[in-house]
């Protein structure tokens, strides 16, 4: 079966996108507005860009229906700062409580019963229950489209990183302890407990 995305609806393209690009890591992003209103939301269009400088990116879509920018994006446009919290299995249910489109005045930390953790270099707090926090400063924001299905790409530099001692052995992140989860499609998530190793071929 062949598809031309330009001839499909936004929801048809969305289903193909989230059903084929799997599993997707989750950025649990905390921000604050200029007036100090906290916001916490999860995004599964998230990935690293490069290690030096330490650049990451995530992509918030416009709100379905009214096409308004999400609070996370508005806050980053205002302040230029955000924190990415990595989601472990122990955190995923509380993360899910933040997924509805709450009004701007709602504090998702309180909704989910999560603890704000003061950051070192940025104003937004991290999520204390998360084992990894990436304190980020905005590098750029690219906007794509102005219709249903449109979104933006937020690019940020990690200027401070907190990793819990339990998930770091001095050289590597310990995945069996971190237990990060990933998004699939619909209500489906994936665990990282089934891991296999495949050495790269040597050209020597």
C-alpha atoms as a PDB file:
ATOM      1  CA  UNK A   1       0.000   0.000   0.000  1.00  0.00           C
ATOM      2  CA  UNK A   2       1.353   3.415  -0.951  1.00  0.00           C
ATOM      3  CA  UNK A   3       0.637   6.781   0.667  1.00  0.00           C
ATOM      4  CA  UNK A   4       1.055  10.409  -0.366  1.00  0.00           C
ATOM      5  CA  UNK A   5       1.111  12.405   2.906  1.00  0.00           C
ATOM      6  CA  UNK A   6      -0.015  15.569   1.119  1.00  0.00           C
ATOM      7  CA  UNK A   7      -3.280  13.834   0.232  1.00  0.00           C
ATOM      8  CA  UNK A   8      -3.977  12.469   3.724  1.00  0.00           C
ATOM      9  CA  UNK A   9      -5.560  14.168   6.706  1.00  0.00           C
ATOM     10  CA  UNK A  10      -3.517  15.263   9.720  1.00  0.00           C
ATOM     11  CA  UNK A  11      -4.837  12.386  11.831  1.00  0.00           C
ATOM     12  CA  UNK A  12      -4.054   9.827   9.096  1.00  0.00           C
ATOM     13  CA  UNK A  13      -0.489  11.124   8.853  1.00  0.00           C
ATOM     14  CA  UNK A  14      -0.209  11.197  12.644  1.00  0.00           C
ATOM     15  CA  UNK A  15      -1.204   7.538  12.933  1.00  0.00           C
ATOM     16  CA  UNK A  16       1.374   6.553  10.324  1.00  0.00           C
ATOM     17  CA  UNK A  17       4.032   8.664  12.020  1.00  0.00           C
ATOM     18  CA  UNK A  18       3.584   7.321  15.547  1.00  0.00           C
ATOM     19  CA  UNK A  19       2.986   3.781  14.351  1.00  0.00           C
ATOM     20  CA  UNK A  20       6.161   3.510  12.300  1.00  0.00           C
ATOM     21  CA  UNK A  21       8.695   5.594  14.256  1.00  0.00           C
ATOM     22  CA  UNK A  22       8.869   3.350  17.298  1.00  0.00           C
ATOM     23  CA  UNK A  23       9.897   3.062  20.036  1.00  0.00           C
ATOM     24  CA  UNK A  24      10.247   6.774  20.837  1.00  0.00           C
ATOM     25  CA  UNK A  25      12.024   8.128  23.934  1.00  0.00           C
ATOM     26  CA  UNK A  26      10.016  10.419  26.192  1.00  0.00           C
ATOM     27  CA  UNK A  27      10.991  13.953  27.200  1.00  0.00           C
ATOM     28  CA  UNK A  28       9.137  14.919  30.378  1.00  0.00           C
ATOM     29  CA  UNK A  29       9.595  18.678  30.063  1.00  0.00           C
ATOM     30  CA  UNK A  30       9.254  21.130  32.940  1.00  0.00           C
ATOM     31  CA  UNK A  31       9.039  24.876  32.298  1.00  0.00           C
ATOM     32  CA  UNK A  32       7.938  28.049  34.038  1.00  0.00           C
ATOM     33  CA  UNK A  33       6.308  31.142  32.575  1.00  0.00           C
ATOM     34  CA  UNK A  34       7.743  34.619  33.070  1.00  0.00           C
ATOM     35  CA  UNK A  35       5.256  34.983  35.933  1.00  0.00           C
ATOM     36  CA  UNK A  36       6.475  31.795  37.601  1.00  0.00           C
ATOM     37  CA  UNK A  37       3.619  29.454  36.622  1.00  0.00           C
ATOM     38  CA  UNK A  38       4.938  25.884  36.479  1.00  0.00           C
ATOM     39  CA  UNK A  39       4.142  23.498  33.638  1.00  0.00           C
ATOM     40  CA  UNK A  40       4.976  19.836  33.136  1.00  0.00           C
ATOM     41  CA  UNK A  41       4.247  17.825  29.980  1.00  0.00           C
ATOM     42  CA  UNK A  42       5.534  14.752  28.145  1.00  0.00           C
ATOM     43  CA  UNK A  43       6.661  14.657  24.503  1.00  0.00           C
ATOM     44  CA  UNK A  44       7.616  11.542  22.567  1.00  0.00           C
ATOM     45  CA  UNK A  45       9.123  13.325  19.560  1.00  0.00           C
ATOM     46  CA  UNK A  46      12.440  13.601  21.430  1.00  0.00           C
ATOM     47  CA  UNK A  47      16.054  12.825  20.675  1.00  0.00           C
ATOM     48  CA  UNK A  48      19.678  13.822  21.006  1.00  0.00           C
ATOM     49  CA  UNK A  49      21.450  15.882  18.351  1.00  0.00           C
ATOM     50  CA  UNK A  50      25.147  15.898  19.276  1.00  0.00           C
ATOM     51  CA  UNK A  51      27.360  15.526  22.392  1.00  0.00           C
ATOM     52  CA  UNK A  52      29.721  18.537  22.095  1.00  0.00           C
ATOM     53  CA  UNK A  53      27.995  20.920  22.371  1.00  0.00           C
ATOM     54  CA  UNK A  54      25.442  18.779  24.236  1.00  0.00           C
ATOM     55  CA  UNK A  55      22.354  19.401  22.094  1.00  0.00           C
ATOM     56  CA  UNK A  56      18.928  17.780  22.390  1.00  0.00           C
ATOM     57  CA  UNK A  57      15.610  18.385  20.657  1.00  0.00           C
ATOM     58  CA  UNK A  58      11.926  17.713  21.082  1.00  0.00           C
ATOM     59  CA  UNK A  59       8.913  18.577  18.970  1.00  0.00           C
ATOM     60  CA  UNK A  60       5.643  19.859  20.482  1.00  0.00           C
ATOM     61  CA  UNK A  61       2.671  19.759  18.138  1.00  0.00           C
ATOM     62  CA  UNK A  62      -0.022  22.438  18.127  1.00  0.00           C
ATOM     63  CA  UNK A  63      -3.087  21.700  20.245  1.00  0.00           C
ATOM     64  CA  UNK A  64      -5.700  19.677  18.403  1.00  0.00           C
ATOM     65  CA  UNK A  65      -8.801  21.667  17.582  1.00  0.00           C
ATOM     66  CA  UNK A  66      -7.789  25.274  18.233  1.00  0.00           C
ATOM     67  CA  UNK A  67      -4.203  24.991  16.897  1.00  0.00           C
ATOM     68  CA  UNK A  68      -2.833  27.058  19.793  1.00  0.00           C
ATOM     69  CA  UNK A  69       0.750  26.604  20.918  1.00  0.00           C
ATOM     70  CA  UNK A  70       1.164  24.350  23.929  1.00  0.00           C
ATOM     71  CA  UNK A  71       2.079  25.928  27.266  1.00  0.00           C
ATOM     72  CA  UNK A  72       5.497  24.272  27.196  1.00  0.00           C
ATOM     73  CA  UNK A  73       6.355  25.957  23.904  1.00  0.00           C
ATOM     74  CA  UNK A  74       5.011  29.338  25.013  1.00  0.00           C
ATOM     75  CA  UNK A  75       7.085  29.198  28.197  1.00  0.00           C
ATOM     76  CA  UNK A  76      10.275  28.318  26.333  1.00  0.00           C
ATOM     77  CA  UNK A  77       9.670  31.119  23.833  1.00  0.00           C
ATOM     78  CA  UNK A  78       9.301  33.528  26.777  1.00  0.00           C
ATOM     79  CA  UNK A  79      12.145  32.356  29.016  1.00  0.00           C
ATOM     80  CA  UNK A  80      14.493  30.282  26.851  1.00  0.00           C
ATOM     81  CA  UNK A  81      14.807  27.613  29.559  1.00  0.00           C
ATOM     82  CA  UNK A  82      13.480  24.113  30.225  1.00  0.00           C
ATOM     83  CA  UNK A  83      14.341  20.839  31.956  1.00  0.00           C
ATOM     84  CA  UNK A  84      14.019  17.408  30.372  1.00  0.00           C
ATOM     85  CA  UNK A  85      13.298  14.700  32.925  1.00  0.00           C
ATOM     86  CA  UNK A  86      13.811  11.077  31.871  1.00  0.00           C
ATOM     87  CA  UNK A  87      10.831   8.806  32.524  1.00  0.00           C
ATOM     88  CA  UNK A  88      11.469   5.483  34.295  1.00  0.00           C
ATOM     89  CA  UNK A  89       8.894   2.735  34.750  1.00  0.00           C
ATOM     90  CA  UNK A  90       8.244   3.909  38.307  1.00  0.00           C
ATOM     91  CA  UNK A  91       7.315   7.369  37.007  1.00  0.00           C
ATOM     92  CA  UNK A  92       5.227   6.539  33.952  1.00  0.00           C
ATOM     93  CA  UNK A  93       1.779   6.459  35.596  1.00  0.00           C
ATOM     94  CA  UNK A  94       2.248   9.885  37.184  1.00  0.00           C
ATOM     95  CA  UNK A  95       3.633  11.201  33.906  1.00  0.00           C
ATOM     96  CA  UNK A  96       0.441  10.030  32.213  1.00  0.00           C
ATOM     97  CA  UNK A  97      -1.630  12.176  34.607  1.00  0.00           C
ATOM     98  CA  UNK A  98      -0.091  15.286  33.035  1.00  0.00           C
ATOM     99  CA  UNK A  99      -1.185  14.397  29.487  1.00  0.00           C
ATOM    100  CA  UNK A 100      -4.580  16.184  29.285  1.00  0.00           C
ATOM    101  CA  UNK A 101      -4.650  19.732  27.894  1.00  0.00           C
ATOM    102  CA  UNK A 102      -5.034  21.531  31.219  1.00  0.00           C
ATOM    103  CA  UNK A 103      -5.646  25.272  31.446  1.00  0.00           C
ATOM    104  CA  UNK A 104      -2.519  27.428  31.653  1.00  0.00           C
ATOM    105  CA  UNK A 105      -3.073  28.117  35.353  1.00  0.00           C
ATOM    106  CA  UNK A 106      -2.987  24.412  36.304  1.00  0.00           C
ATOM    107  CA  UNK A 107       0.247  23.146  37.878  1.00  0.00           C
ATOM    108  CA  UNK A 108       0.827  19.618  36.571  1.00  0.00           C
ATOM    109  CA  UNK A 109       3.331  18.943  39.374  1.00  0.00           C
ATOM    110  CA  UNK A 110       0.368  19.173  41.759  1.00  0.00           C
ATOM    111  CA  UNK A 111      -1.986  17.239  39.476  1.00  0.00           C
ATOM    112  CA  UNK A 112       0.421  14.291  39.302  1.00  0.00           C
ATOM    113  CA  UNK A 113       1.654  14.519  42.892  1.00  0.00           C
ATOM    114  CA  UNK A 114       5.247  15.060  41.772  1.00  0.00           C
ATOM    115  CA  UNK A 115       7.965  16.949  43.636  1.00  0.00           C
ATOM    116  CA  UNK A 116       9.667  20.015  42.113  1.00  0.00           C
ATOM    117  CA  UNK A 117      13.465  19.782  42.440  1.00  0.00           C
ATOM    118  CA  UNK A 118      15.391  23.087  42.298  1.00  0.00           C
ATOM    119  CA  UNK A 119      17.656  23.301  39.273  1.00  0.00           C
ATOM    120  CA  UNK A 120      21.260  24.514  39.314  1.00  0.00           C
ATOM    121  CA  UNK A 121      21.413  26.718  36.196  1.00  0.00           C
ATOM    122  CA  UNK A 122      17.836  27.367  35.064  1.00  0.00           C
ATOM    123  CA  UNK A 123      14.640  28.550  36.721  1.00  0.00           C
ATOM    124  CA  UNK A 124      12.336  25.619  35.872  1.00  0.00           C
ATOM    125  CA  UNK A 125      12.524  22.872  38.494  1.00  0.00           C
ATOM    126  CA  UNK A 126      13.197  19.263  37.645  1.00  0.00           C
ATOM    127  CA  UNK A 127      11.053  16.331  38.723  1.00  0.00           C
ATOM    128  CA  UNK A 128      12.609  14.933  41.898  1.00  0.00           C
ATOM    129  CA  UNK A 129      11.215  11.469  41.163  1.00  0.00           C
ATOM    130  CA  UNK A 130      13.128  11.346  37.858  1.00  0.00           C
ATOM    131  CA  UNK A 131      16.631   9.857  37.921  1.00  0.00           C
ATOM    132  CA  UNK A 132      18.045  12.086  35.147  1.00  0.00           C
ATOM    133  CA  UNK A 133      17.521  15.831  34.655  1.00  0.00           C
ATOM    134  CA  UNK A 134      18.821  17.820  31.694  1.00  0.00           C
ATOM    135  CA  UNK A 135      18.832  21.562  32.358  1.00  0.00           C
ATOM    136  CA  UNK A 136      18.524  23.225  28.956  1.00  0.00           C
ATOM    137  CA  UNK A 137      18.857  26.624  27.367  1.00  0.00           C
ATOM    138  CA  UNK A 138      17.077  27.290  24.079  1.00  0.00           C
ATOM    139  CA  UNK A 139      19.276  27.303  20.990  1.00  0.00           C
ATOM    140  CA  UNK A 140      16.550  27.672  18.368  1.00  0.00           C
ATOM    141  CA  UNK A 141      12.900  26.930  17.653  1.00  0.00           C
ATOM    142  CA  UNK A 142      11.758  25.990  14.151  1.00  0.00           C
ATOM    143  CA  UNK A 143       8.067  26.136  13.266  1.00  0.00           C
ATOM    144  CA  UNK A 144       6.445  23.907  10.653  1.00  0.00           C
ATOM    145  CA  UNK A 145       2.966  24.608   9.308  1.00  0.00           C
ATOM    146  CA  UNK A 146      -0.026  26.492  10.639  1.00  0.00           C
ATOM    147  CA  UNK A 147      -2.776  23.914  10.109  1.00  0.00           C
ATOM    148  CA  UNK A 148      -3.951  20.874  12.053  1.00  0.00           C
ATOM    149  CA  UNK A 149      -0.969  18.599  12.602  1.00  0.00           C
ATOM    150  CA  UNK A 150       1.536  21.483  12.600  1.00  0.00           C
ATOM    151  CA  UNK A 151       4.329  21.569  15.136  1.00  0.00           C
ATOM    152  CA  UNK A 152       7.650  23.028  16.191  1.00  0.00           C
ATOM    153  CA  UNK A 153      11.150  21.724  16.798  1.00  0.00           C
ATOM    154  CA  UNK A 154      12.732  22.964  20.012  1.00  0.00           C
ATOM    155  CA  UNK A 155      16.527  22.706  20.036  1.00  0.00           C
ATOM    156  CA  UNK A 156      18.286  23.179  23.344  1.00  0.00           C
ATOM    157  CA  UNK A 157      21.760  22.952  24.833  1.00  0.00           C
ATOM    158  CA  UNK A 158      22.122  20.902  28.007  1.00  0.00           C
ATOM    159  CA  UNK A 159      24.073  23.251  30.282  1.00  0.00           C
ATOM    160  CA  UNK A 160      23.800  21.110  33.422  1.00  0.00           C
ATOM    161  CA  UNK A 161      23.050  17.432  33.873  1.00  0.00           C
ATOM    162  CA  UNK A 162      22.048  15.588  37.049  1.00  0.00           C
ATOM    163  CA  UNK A 163      22.256  11.793  37.042  1.00  0.00           C
ATOM    164  CA  UNK A 164      21.330   9.790  40.122  1.00  0.00           C
ATOM    165  CA  UNK A 165      24.241   7.759  41.510  1.00  0.00           C
ATOM    166  CA  UNK A 166      22.176   4.584  41.226  1.00  0.00           C
ATOM    167  CA  UNK A 167      22.088   4.727  37.422  1.00  0.00           C
ATOM    168  CA  UNK A 168      25.706   5.626  36.662  1.00  0.00           C
ATOM    169  CA  UNK A 169      28.799   3.434  37.074  1.00  0.00           C
ATOM    170  CA  UNK A 170      31.325   6.153  36.316  1.00  0.00           C
ATOM    171  CA  UNK A 171      31.309   5.469  32.586  1.00  0.00           C
ATOM    172  CA  UNK A 172      27.889   4.285  31.442  1.00  0.00           C
ATOM    173  CA  UNK A 173      24.229   4.837  32.264  1.00  0.00           C
ATOM    174  CA  UNK A 174      22.862   1.621  33.787  1.00  0.00           C
ATOM    175  CA  UNK A 175      19.715   0.909  31.785  1.00  0.00           C
ATOM    176  CA  UNK A 176      18.687  -1.980  34.023  1.00  0.00           C
ATOM    177  CA  UNK A 177      18.450   0.493  36.909  1.00  0.00           C
ATOM    178  CA  UNK A 178      17.165   3.533  35.011  1.00  0.00           C
ATOM    179  CA  UNK A 179      14.431   1.420  33.345  1.00  0.00           C
ATOM    180  CA  UNK A 180      13.420   4.087  30.820  1.00  0.00           C
ATOM    181  CA  UNK A 181      10.143   3.636  28.985  1.00  0.00           C
ATOM    182  CA  UNK A 182       9.286   4.506  25.391  1.00  0.00           C
ATOM    183  CA  UNK A 183       6.132   5.424  23.504  1.00  0.00           C
ATOM    184  CA  UNK A 184       4.589   3.352  20.776  1.00  0.00           C
ATOM    185  CA  UNK A 185       1.166   4.188  19.289  1.00  0.00           C
ATOM    186  CA  UNK A 186      -2.166   4.771  20.994  1.00  0.00           C
ATOM    187  CA  UNK A 187      -1.972   3.837  24.685  1.00  0.00           C
ATOM    188  CA  UNK A 188       0.997   1.502  24.163  1.00  0.00           C
ATOM    189  CA  UNK A 189       4.384   1.871  25.842  1.00  0.00           C
ATOM    190  CA  UNK A 190       7.561  -0.212  25.651  1.00  0.00           C
ATOM    191  CA  UNK A 191      10.047  -1.332  28.294  1.00  0.00           C
ATOM    192  CA  UNK A 192      13.797  -1.607  27.754  1.00  0.00           C
ATOM    193  CA  UNK A 193      14.132  -4.953  29.520  1.00  0.00           C
ATOM    194  CA  UNK A 194      14.649  -7.060  26.402  1.00  0.00           C
ATOM    195  CA  UNK A 195      18.087  -5.998  25.207  1.00  0.00           C
ATOM    196  CA  UNK A 196      20.491  -7.702  22.804  1.00  0.00           C
ATOM    197  CA  UNK A 197      24.009  -6.762  21.719  1.00  0.00           C
ATOM    198  CA  UNK A 198      25.357  -6.734  18.165  1.00  0.00           C
ATOM    199  CA  UNK A 199      29.014  -5.659  17.768  1.00  0.00           C
ATOM    200  CA  UNK A 200      29.809  -3.448  14.787  1.00  0.00           C
ATOM    201  CA  UNK A 201      31.866  -5.028  11.990  1.00  0.00           C
ATOM    202  CA  UNK A 202      35.511  -3.997  11.941  1.00  0.00           C
ATOM    203  CA  UNK A 203      37.088  -2.640   8.749  1.00  0.00           C
ATOM    204  CA  UNK A 204      40.557  -3.782   9.882  1.00  0.00           C
END
